[in-house]
């Protein structure tokens, strides 16, 4: 996956699920770091771009 594949509002499936049980996340902010919001509980997490790209399994909805 390339960084150009992601934009605001993109829903991605991560390799590891969140403790709430959901593995779907929505991209909220793009930059050097990427902020994602859990679709299950609404928790917001900020990851470095490299860690985010390693953790993405597939893009659910662009």
Protein backbone atom coordinates (compact mmCIF):
# COMPACT_ATOMS: atom_id res chain seq x y z
CA UNK A 1 0.00 0.00 0.00
CA UNK A 2 1.22 3.44 -0.80
CA UNK A 3 0.61 6.57 1.24
CA UNK A 4 -1.28 8.08 -1.71
CA UNK A 5 -3.96 5.37 -1.23
CA UNK A 6 -5.15 7.05 1.96
CA UNK A 7 -7.20 10.22 2.30
CA UNK A 8 -9.41 11.74 4.98
CA UNK A 9 -12.41 9.54 5.68
CA UNK A 10 -10.82 6.35 4.33
CA UNK A 11 -11.84 3.28 6.36
CA UNK A 12 -9.08 0.70 6.78
CA UNK A 13 -8.91 -2.75 8.34
CA UNK A 14 -5.93 -3.18 10.65
CA UNK A 15 -4.07 -6.44 11.35
CA UNK A 16 -4.61 -6.25 15.12
CA UNK A 17 -8.09 -5.52 16.51
CA UNK A 18 -8.69 -2.75 19.05
CA UNK A 19 -9.44 -3.98 22.61
CA UNK A 20 -13.13 -3.11 22.01
CA UNK A 21 -13.18 -5.84 19.32
CA UNK A 22 -13.37 -3.70 16.17
CA UNK A 23 -10.61 -3.79 13.54
CA UNK A 24 -12.06 -1.02 11.34
CA UNK A 25 -10.55 2.46 11.61
CA UNK A 26 -11.26 5.77 9.87
CA UNK A 27 -8.44 8.12 8.87
CA UNK A 28 -9.02 11.46 10.62
CA UNK A 29 -5.71 13.29 10.01
CA UNK A 30 -2.85 12.87 7.55
CA UNK A 31 0.69 14.18 7.84
CA UNK A 32 3.97 12.86 9.23
CA UNK A 33 1.74 11.10 11.76
CA UNK A 34 -1.66 9.60 10.96
CA UNK A 35 -4.60 9.93 13.34
CA UNK A 36 -7.22 7.18 13.14
CA UNK A 37 -10.57 6.75 14.87
CA UNK A 38 -11.94 3.34 15.96
CA UNK A 39 -15.28 2.57 14.29
CA UNK A 40 -16.38 0.48 17.29
CA UNK A 41 -15.86 2.77 20.28
CA UNK A 42 -14.71 6.10 18.79
CA UNK A 43 -11.27 6.12 20.42
CA UNK A 44 -8.70 8.20 18.52
CA UNK A 45 -5.11 6.96 18.14
CA UNK A 46 -2.13 8.67 16.51
CA UNK A 47 0.49 6.49 14.78
CA UNK A 48 3.63 7.26 12.84
CA UNK A 49 3.12 6.82 9.11
CA UNK A 50 5.48 3.81 8.95
CA UNK A 51 3.74 2.00 11.83
CA UNK A 52 0.34 2.73 10.29
CA UNK A 53 1.35 1.37 6.86
CA UNK A 54 2.77 -1.81 8.44
CA UNK A 55 -0.45 -2.37 10.39
CA UNK A 56 -2.95 -1.91 7.55
CA UNK A 57 -4.44 -5.14 6.22
CA UNK A 58 -6.69 -3.65 3.52
CA UNK A 59 -8.71 -0.60 2.55
CA UNK A 60 -12.42 -1.16 3.23
CA UNK A 61 -13.90 2.10 1.89
CA UNK A 62 -12.08 4.97 0.19
